[in-house]
PDB file of all heavy atoms in Angstrom:
ATOM      1  N   LYS A   1       8.117   0.041 -32.476  1.00  0.00           N
ATOM      2  CA  LYS A   1       7.360  -0.689 -33.488  1.00  0.00           C
ATOM      3  C   LYS A   1       8.244  -1.618 -34.293  1.00  0.00           C
ATOM      4  O   LYS A   1       7.774  -2.514 -34.972  1.00  0.00           O
ATOM      5  CB  LYS A   1       6.619   0.268 -34.425  1.00  0.00           C
ATOM      6  CG  LYS A   1       7.518   1.113 -35.276  1.00  0.00           C
ATOM      7  CD  LYS A   1       6.737   1.991 -36.196  1.00  0.00           C
ATOM      8  CE  LYS A   1       7.722   2.744 -37.101  1.00  0.00           C
ATOM      9  NZ  LYS A   1       7.031   3.449 -38.153  1.00  0.00           N
ATOM     10  N   ASP A   2       9.565  -1.433 -34.178  1.00  0.00           N
ATOM     11  CA  ASP A   2      10.522  -2.242 -34.954  1.00  0.00           C
ATOM     12  C   ASP A   2      11.161  -3.395 -34.208  1.00  0.00           C
ATOM     13  O   ASP A   2      11.689  -4.300 -34.813  1.00  0.00           O
ATOM     14  CB  ASP A   2      11.620  -1.332 -35.524  1.00  0.00           C
ATOM     15  CG  ASP A   2      11.101  -0.309 -36.485  1.00  0.00           C
ATOM     16  OD1 ASP A   2      10.140  -0.622 -37.220  1.00  0.00           O
ATOM     17  OD2 ASP A   2      11.633   0.812 -36.516  1.00  0.00           O
ATOM     18  N   GLU A   3      11.126  -3.356 -32.873  1.00  0.00           N
ATOM     19  CA  GLU A   3      11.787  -4.432 -32.122  1.00  0.00           C
ATOM     20  C   GLU A   3      11.159  -4.626 -30.759  1.00  0.00           C
ATOM     21  O   GLU A   3      10.571  -3.694 -30.205  1.00  0.00           O
ATOM     22  CB  GLU A   3      13.292  -4.204 -31.998  1.00  0.00           C
ATOM     23  CG  GLU A   3      13.670  -3.060 -31.105  1.00  0.00           C
ATOM     24  CD  GLU A   3      15.167  -2.871 -30.974  1.00  0.00           C
ATOM     25  OE1 GLU A   3      15.939  -3.357 -31.812  1.00  0.00           O
ATOM     26  OE2 GLU A   3      15.583  -2.232 -29.995  1.00  0.00           O
ATOM     27  N   SER A   4      11.305  -5.830 -30.255  1.00  0.00           N
ATOM     28  CA  SER A   4      10.834  -6.192 -28.923  1.00  0.00           C
ATOM     29  C   SER A   4      11.872  -7.079 -28.256  1.00  0.00           C
ATOM     30  O   SER A   4      12.667  -7.743 -28.930  1.00  0.00           O
ATOM     31  CB  SER A   4       9.532  -7.003 -29.004  1.00  0.00           C
ATOM     32  OG  SER A   4       8.513  -6.239 -29.610  1.00  0.00           O
ATOM     33  N   PHE A   5      11.854  -7.071 -26.938  1.00  0.00           N
ATOM     34  CA  PHE A   5      12.668  -8.028 -26.204  1.00  0.00           C
ATOM     35  C   PHE A   5      11.774  -9.184 -25.797  1.00  0.00           C
ATOM     36  O   PHE A   5      10.599  -8.985 -25.434  1.00  0.00           O
ATOM     37  CB  PHE A   5      13.258  -7.396 -24.950  1.00  0.00           C
ATOM     38  CG  PHE A   5      14.355  -6.401 -25.260  1.00  0.00           C
ATOM     39  CD1 PHE A   5      14.148  -5.053 -25.066  1.00  0.00           C
ATOM     40  CD2 PHE A   5      15.588  -6.836 -25.731  1.00  0.00           C
ATOM     41  CE1 PHE A   5      15.149  -4.135 -25.368  1.00  0.00           C
ATOM     42  CE2 PHE A   5      16.589  -5.934 -26.041  1.00  0.00           C
ATOM     43  CZ  PHE A   5      16.363  -4.576 -25.841  1.00  0.00           C
ATOM     44  N   VAL A   6      12.310 -10.396 -25.878  1.00  0.00           N
ATOM     45  CA  VAL A   6      11.553 -11.585 -25.534  1.00  0.00           C
ATOM     46  C   VAL A   6      12.318 -12.318 -24.430  1.00  0.00           C
ATOM     47  O   VAL A   6      13.530 -12.594 -24.562  1.00  0.00           O
ATOM     48  CB  VAL A   6      11.395 -12.528 -26.767  1.00  0.00           C
ATOM     49  CG1 VAL A   6      10.654 -13.780 -26.387  1.00  0.00           C
ATOM     50  CG2 VAL A   6      10.703 -11.806 -27.905  1.00  0.00           C
ATOM     51  N   PHE A   7      11.630 -12.598 -23.335  1.00  0.00           N
ATOM     52  CA  PHE A   7      12.212 -13.363 -22.234  1.00  0.00           C
ATOM     53  C   PHE A   7      11.529 -14.722 -22.178  1.00  0.00           C
ATOM     54  O   PHE A   7      10.291 -14.779 -22.235  1.00  0.00           O
ATOM     55  CB  PHE A   7      11.960 -12.622 -20.896  1.00  0.00           C
ATOM     56  CG  PHE A   7      12.532 -11.264 -20.837  1.00  0.00           C
ATOM     57  CD1 PHE A   7      11.798 -10.165 -21.259  1.00  0.00           C
ATOM     58  CD2 PHE A   7      13.804 -11.054 -20.365  1.00  0.00           C
ATOM     59  CE1 PHE A   7      12.320  -8.873 -21.174  1.00  0.00           C
ATOM     60  CE2 PHE A   7      14.341  -9.771 -20.282  1.00  0.00           C
ATOM     61  CZ  PHE A   7      13.595  -8.678 -20.716  1.00  0.00           C
ATOM     62  N   THR A   8      12.298 -15.773 -22.075  1.00  0.00           N
ATOM     63  CA  THR A   8      11.743 -17.122 -21.932  1.00  0.00           C
ATOM     64  C   THR A   8      12.323 -17.774 -20.691  1.00  0.00           C
ATOM     65  O   THR A   8      13.503 -17.653 -20.419  1.00  0.00           O
ATOM     66  CB  THR A   8      12.045 -17.982 -23.158  1.00  0.00           C
ATOM     67  OG1 THR A   8      13.464 -18.011 -23.391  1.00  0.00           O
ATOM     68  CG2 THR A   8      11.338 -17.447 -24.407  1.00  0.00           C
ATOM     69  N   ALA A   9      11.440 -18.453 -19.948  1.00  0.00           N
ATOM     70  CA  ALA A   9      11.869 -19.132 -18.713  1.00  0.00           C
ATOM     71  C   ALA A   9      11.594 -20.632 -18.909  1.00  0.00           C
ATOM     72  O   ALA A   9      10.530 -21.016 -19.387  1.00  0.00           O
ATOM     73  CB  ALA A   9      11.083 -18.608 -17.514  1.00  0.00           C
ATOM     74  N   SER A  10      12.551 -21.448 -18.474  1.00  0.00           N
ATOM     75  CA  SER A  10      12.494 -22.854 -18.809  1.00  0.00           C
ATOM     76  C   SER A  10      12.746 -23.768 -17.640  1.00  0.00           C
ATOM     77  O   SER A  10      13.229 -23.374 -16.583  1.00  0.00           O
ATOM     78  CB  SER A  10      13.517 -23.141 -19.915  1.00  0.00           C
ATOM     79  OG  SER A  10      13.617 -24.507 -20.195  1.00  0.00           O
ATOM     80  N   ARG A  11      12.447 -25.032 -17.889  1.00  0.00           N
ATOM     81  CA  ARG A  11      12.732 -26.105 -16.919  1.00  0.00           C
ATOM     82  C   ARG A  11      14.226 -26.433 -16.871  1.00  0.00           C
ATOM     83  O   ARG A  11      14.645 -27.221 -16.051  1.00  0.00           O
ATOM     84  CB  ARG A  11      11.941 -27.347 -17.280  1.00  0.00           C
ATOM     85  CG  ARG A  11      10.461 -27.115 -17.175  1.00  0.00           C
ATOM     86  CD  ARG A  11       9.680 -28.325 -17.612  1.00  0.00           C
ATOM     87  NE  ARG A  11       8.281 -27.954 -17.690  1.00  0.00           N
ATOM     88  CZ  ARG A  11       7.409 -28.568 -18.452  1.00  0.00           C
ATOM     89  NH1 ARG A  11       7.778 -29.581 -19.201  1.00  0.00           N
ATOM     90  NH2 ARG A  11       6.157 -28.164 -18.461  1.00  0.00           N
ATOM     91  N   ASP A  12      15.007 -25.808 -17.749  1.00  0.00           N
ATOM     92  CA  ASP A  12      16.470 -26.027 -17.714  1.00  0.00           C
ATOM     93  C   ASP A  12      17.152 -25.034 -16.778  1.00  0.00           C
ATOM     94  O   ASP A  12      18.355 -24.929 -16.785  1.00  0.00           O
ATOM     95  CB  ASP A  12      17.066 -25.958 -19.122  1.00  0.00           C
ATOM     96  CG  ASP A  12      16.954 -24.587 -19.795  1.00  0.00           C
ATOM     97  OD1 ASP A  12      16.515 -23.630 -19.150  1.00  0.00           O
ATOM     98  OD2 ASP A  12      17.311 -24.507 -20.983  1.00  0.00           O
ATOM     99  N   ARG A  13      16.369 -24.257 -16.006  1.00  0.00           N
ATOM    100  CA  ARG A  13      16.786 -23.314 -14.986  1.00  0.00           C
ATOM    101  C   ARG A  13      17.267 -21.984 -15.567  1.00  0.00           C
ATOM    102  O   ARG A  13      17.712 -21.095 -14.840  1.00  0.00           O
ATOM    103  CB  ARG A  13      17.828 -23.863 -14.010  1.00  0.00           C
ATOM    104  CG  ARG A  13      19.210 -24.000 -14.580  1.00  0.00           C
ATOM    105  CD  ARG A  13      20.212 -24.470 -13.544  1.00  0.00           C
ATOM    106  NE  ARG A  13      21.507 -24.649 -14.129  1.00  0.00           N
ATOM    107  CZ  ARG A  13      22.293 -23.648 -14.566  1.00  0.00           C
ATOM    108  NH1 ARG A  13      21.924 -22.417 -14.472  1.00  0.00           N
ATOM    109  NH2 ARG A  13      23.480 -23.912 -15.087  1.00  0.00           N
ATOM    110  N   LEU A  14      17.166 -21.778 -16.884  1.00  0.00           N
ATOM    111  CA  LEU A  14      17.648 -20.561 -17.509  1.00  0.00           C
ATOM    112  C   LEU A  14      16.515 -19.625 -17.911  1.00  0.00           C
ATOM    113  O   LEU A  14      15.413 -20.066 -18.233  1.00  0.00           O
ATOM    114  CB  LEU A  14      18.442 -20.889 -18.767  1.00  0.00           C
ATOM    115  CG  LEU A  14      19.747 -21.656 -18.602  1.00  0.00           C
ATOM    116  CD1 LEU A  14      20.312 -22.014 -19.976  1.00  0.00           C
ATOM    117  CD2 LEU A  14      20.731 -20.852 -17.796  1.00  0.00           C
ATOM    118  N   ILE A  15      16.818 -18.327 -17.892  1.00  0.00           N
ATOM    119  CA  ILE A  15      15.993 -17.323 -18.513  1.00  0.00           C
ATOM    120  C   ILE A  15      16.796 -16.773 -19.689  1.00  0.00           C
ATOM    121  O   ILE A  15      17.972 -16.394 -19.506  1.00  0.00           O
ATOM    122  CB  ILE A  15      15.639 -16.169 -17.541  1.00  0.00           C
ATOM    123  CG1 ILE A  15      14.896 -16.708 -16.332  1.00  0.00           C
ATOM    124  CG2 ILE A  15      14.832 -15.091 -18.253  1.00  0.00           C
ATOM    125  CD1 ILE A  15      14.809 -15.714 -15.196  1.00  0.00           C
ATOM    126  N   LYS A  16      16.249 -16.815 -20.859  1.00  0.00           N
ATOM    127  CA  LYS A  16      16.959 -16.302 -22.030  1.00  0.00           C
ATOM    128  C   LYS A  16      16.320 -14.998 -22.458  1.00  0.00           C
ATOM    129  O   LYS A  16      15.102 -14.839 -22.449  1.00  0.00           O
ATOM    130  CB  LYS A  16      16.907 -17.307 -23.175  1.00  0.00           C
ATOM    131  CG  LYS A  16      17.741 -18.559 -22.881  1.00  0.00           C
ATOM    132  CD  LYS A  16      17.901 -19.421 -24.091  1.00  0.00           C
ATOM    133  CE  LYS A  16      18.792 -20.598 -23.798  1.00  0.00           C
ATOM    134  NZ  LYS A  16      20.201 -20.303 -23.841  1.00  0.00           N
ATOM    135  N   LEU A  17      17.166 -14.046 -22.818  1.00  0.00           N
ATOM    136  CA  LEU A  17      16.749 -12.740 -23.298  1.00  0.00           C
ATOM    137  C   LEU A  17      17.109 -12.648 -24.763  1.00  0.00           C
ATOM    138  O   LEU A  17      18.283 -12.844 -25.121  1.00  0.00           O
ATOM    139  CB  LEU A  17      17.434 -11.623 -22.502  1.00  0.00           C
ATOM    140  CG  LEU A  17      17.390 -10.223 -23.085  1.00  0.00           C
ATOM    141  CD1 LEU A  17      15.953  -9.752 -23.310  1.00  0.00           C
ATOM    142  CD2 LEU A  17      18.141  -9.256 -22.188  1.00  0.00           C
ATOM    143  N   GLY A  18      16.134 -12.405 -25.601  1.00  0.00           N
ATOM    144  CA  GLY A  18      16.377 -12.250 -27.038  1.00  0.00           C
ATOM    145  C   GLY A  18      15.744 -10.981 -27.557  1.00  0.00           C
ATOM    146  O   GLY A  18      14.901 -10.376 -26.909  1.00  0.00           O
ATOM    147  N   LYS A  19      16.194 -10.560 -28.731  1.00  0.00           N
ATOM    148  CA  LYS A  19      15.631  -9.378 -29.391  1.00  0.00           C
ATOM    149  C   LYS A  19      14.911  -9.902 -30.631  1.00  0.00           C
ATOM    150  O   LYS A  19      15.457 -10.673 -31.412  1.00  0.00           O
ATOM    151  CB  LYS A  19      16.742  -8.418 -29.792  1.00  0.00           C
ATOM    152  CG  LYS A  19      16.189  -7.110 -30.329  1.00  0.00           C
ATOM    153  CD  LYS A  19      17.306  -6.174 -30.745  1.00  0.00           C
ATOM    154  CE  LYS A  19      17.947  -5.576 -29.531  1.00  0.00           C
ATOM    155  NZ  LYS A  19      18.894  -4.488 -29.875  1.00  0.00           N
ATOM    156  N   LEU A  20      13.670  -9.444 -30.824  1.00  0.00           N
ATOM    157  CA  LEU A  20      12.839  -9.845 -31.934  1.00  0.00           C
ATOM    158  C   LEU A  20      12.563  -8.600 -32.769  1.00  0.00           C
ATOM    159  O   LEU A  20      12.043  -7.623 -32.264  1.00  0.00           O
ATOM    160  CB  LEU A  20      11.547 -10.463 -31.421  1.00  0.00           C
ATOM    161  CG  LEU A  20      10.545 -10.969 -32.450  1.00  0.00           C
ATOM    162  CD1 LEU A  20      11.123 -12.127 -33.225  1.00  0.00           C
ATOM    163  CD2 LEU A  20       9.259 -11.367 -31.748  1.00  0.00           C
ATOM    164  N   THR A  21      12.884  -8.651 -34.059  1.00  0.00           N
ATOM    165  CA  THR A  21      12.648  -7.511 -34.946  1.00  0.00           C
ATOM    166  C   THR A  21      11.272  -7.644 -35.605  1.00  0.00           C
ATOM    167  O   THR A  21      10.638  -8.705 -35.542  1.00  0.00           O
ATOM    168  CB  THR A  21      13.715  -7.407 -36.026  1.00  0.00           C
ATOM    169  OG1 THR A  21      13.662  -8.588 -36.851  1.00  0.00           O
ATOM    170  CG2 THR A  21      15.105  -7.263 -35.420  1.00  0.00           C
ATOM    171  N   CYS A  22      10.815  -6.572 -36.242  1.00  0.00           N
ATOM    172  CA  CYS A  22       9.484  -6.554 -36.858  1.00  0.00           C
ATOM    173  C   CYS A  22       9.377  -7.579 -37.988  1.00  0.00           C
ATOM    174  O   CYS A  22       8.280  -8.035 -38.289  1.00  0.00           O
ATOM    175  CB  CYS A  22       9.134  -5.172 -37.340  1.00  0.00           C
ATOM    176  SG  CYS A  22      10.210  -4.535 -38.622  1.00  0.00           S
ATOM    177  N   ASP A  23      10.485  -7.991 -38.597  1.00  0.00           N
ATOM    178  CA  ASP A  23      10.433  -9.019 -39.638  1.00  0.00           C
ATOM    179  C   ASP A  23      10.621 -10.425 -39.049  1.00  0.00           C
ATOM    180  O   ASP A  23      10.959 -11.358 -39.767  1.00  0.00           O
ATOM    181  CB  ASP A  23      11.448  -8.723 -40.743  1.00  0.00           C
ATOM    182  CG  ASP A  23      12.871  -8.648 -40.230  1.00  0.00           C
ATOM    183  OD1 ASP A  23      13.080  -8.690 -39.020  1.00  0.00           O
ATOM    184  OD2 ASP A  23      13.772  -8.525 -41.070  1.00  0.00           O
ATOM    185  N   LEU A  24      10.419 -10.560 -37.732  1.00  0.00           N
ATOM    186  CA  LEU A  24      10.480 -11.794 -36.983  1.00  0.00           C
ATOM    187  C   LEU A  24      11.841 -12.457 -36.969  1.00  0.00           C
ATOM    188  O   LEU A  24      11.972 -13.659 -36.845  1.00  0.00           O
ATOM    189  CB  LEU A  24       9.420 -12.788 -37.489  1.00  0.00           C
ATOM    190  CG  LEU A  24       7.973 -12.296 -37.390  1.00  0.00           C
ATOM    191  CD1 LEU A  24       7.012 -13.357 -37.873  1.00  0.00           C
ATOM    192  CD2 LEU A  24       7.638 -11.893 -35.950  1.00  0.00           C
ATOM    193  N   GLU A  25      12.878 -11.647 -37.102  1.00  0.00           N
ATOM    194  CA  GLU A  25      14.236 -12.159 -36.955  1.00  0.00           C
ATOM    195  C   GLU A  25      14.593 -12.055 -35.473  1.00  0.00           C
ATOM    196  O   GLU A  25      14.438 -11.013 -34.845  1.00  0.00           O
ATOM    197  CB  GLU A  25      15.196 -11.301 -37.792  1.00  0.00           C
ATOM    198  CG  GLU A  25      16.586 -11.886 -37.864  1.00  0.00           C
ATOM    199  CD  GLU A  25      17.470 -11.089 -38.820  1.00  0.00           C
ATOM    200  OE1 GLU A  25      17.014 -10.786 -39.938  1.00  0.00           O
ATOM    201  OE2 GLU A  25      18.591 -10.766 -38.431  1.00  0.00           O
ATOM    202  N   ALA A  26      15.060 -13.156 -34.890  1.00  0.00           N
ATOM    203  CA  ALA A  26      15.342 -13.202 -33.457  1.00  0.00           C
ATOM    204  C   ALA A  26      16.813 -13.446 -33.207  1.00  0.00           C
ATOM    205  O   ALA A  26      17.475 -14.183 -33.921  1.00  0.00           O
ATOM    206  CB  ALA A  26      14.505 -14.299 -32.814  1.00  0.00           C
ATOM    207  N   HIS A  27      17.337 -12.792 -32.152  1.00  0.00           N
ATOM    208  CA  HIS A  27      18.716 -12.926 -31.760  1.00  0.00           C
ATOM    209  C   HIS A  27      18.819 -13.054 -30.252  1.00  0.00           C
ATOM    210  O   HIS A  27      18.237 -12.256 -29.528  1.00  0.00           O
ATOM    211  CB  HIS A  27      19.532 -11.699 -32.201  1.00  0.00           C
ATOM    212  CG  HIS A  27      19.479 -11.403 -33.638  1.00  0.00           C
ATOM    213  ND1 HIS A  27      20.227 -12.103 -34.573  1.00  0.00           N
ATOM    214  CD2 HIS A  27      18.725 -10.524 -34.347  1.00  0.00           C
ATOM    215  CE1 HIS A  27      19.947 -11.653 -35.776  1.00  0.00           C
ATOM    216  NE2 HIS A  27      19.046 -10.706 -35.667  1.00  0.00           N
ATOM    217  N   LEU A  28      19.558 -14.024 -29.797  1.00  0.00           N
ATOM    218  CA  LEU A  28      19.791 -14.191 -28.357  1.00  0.00           C
ATOM    219  C   LEU A  28      20.754 -13.097 -27.896  1.00  0.00           C
ATOM    220  O   LEU A  28      21.787 -12.857 -28.520  1.00  0.00           O
ATOM    221  CB  LEU A  28      20.393 -15.559 -28.053  1.00  0.00           C
ATOM    222  CG  LEU A  28      20.687 -15.828 -26.588  1.00  0.00           C
ATOM    223  CD1 LEU A  28      19.404 -15.965 -25.781  1.00  0.00           C
ATOM    224  CD2 LEU A  28      21.541 -17.074 -26.432  1.00  0.00           C
ATOM    225  N   ILE A  29      20.422 -12.437 -26.799  1.00  0.00           N
ATOM    226  CA  ILE A  29      21.309 -11.430 -26.205  1.00  0.00           C
ATOM    227  C   ILE A  29      22.119 -12.016 -25.074  1.00  0.00           C
ATOM    228  O   ILE A  29      23.325 -11.909 -25.033  1.00  0.00           O
ATOM    229  CB  ILE A  29      20.507 -10.208 -25.734  1.00  0.00           C
ATOM    230  CG1 ILE A  29      19.836  -9.521 -26.908  1.00  0.00           C
ATOM    231  CG2 ILE A  29      21.411  -9.229 -24.981  1.00  0.00           C
ATOM    232  CD1 ILE A  29      18.889  -8.410 -26.545  1.00  0.00           C
TER     233      ILE A  29
END
């Protein structure tokens, strides 16, 4: 309930993995 992982896929050929906290603070992993 406090955090989620977010994966984004792009036209720049990268997949980025980030961590999103319940207060909407995001960090790239």
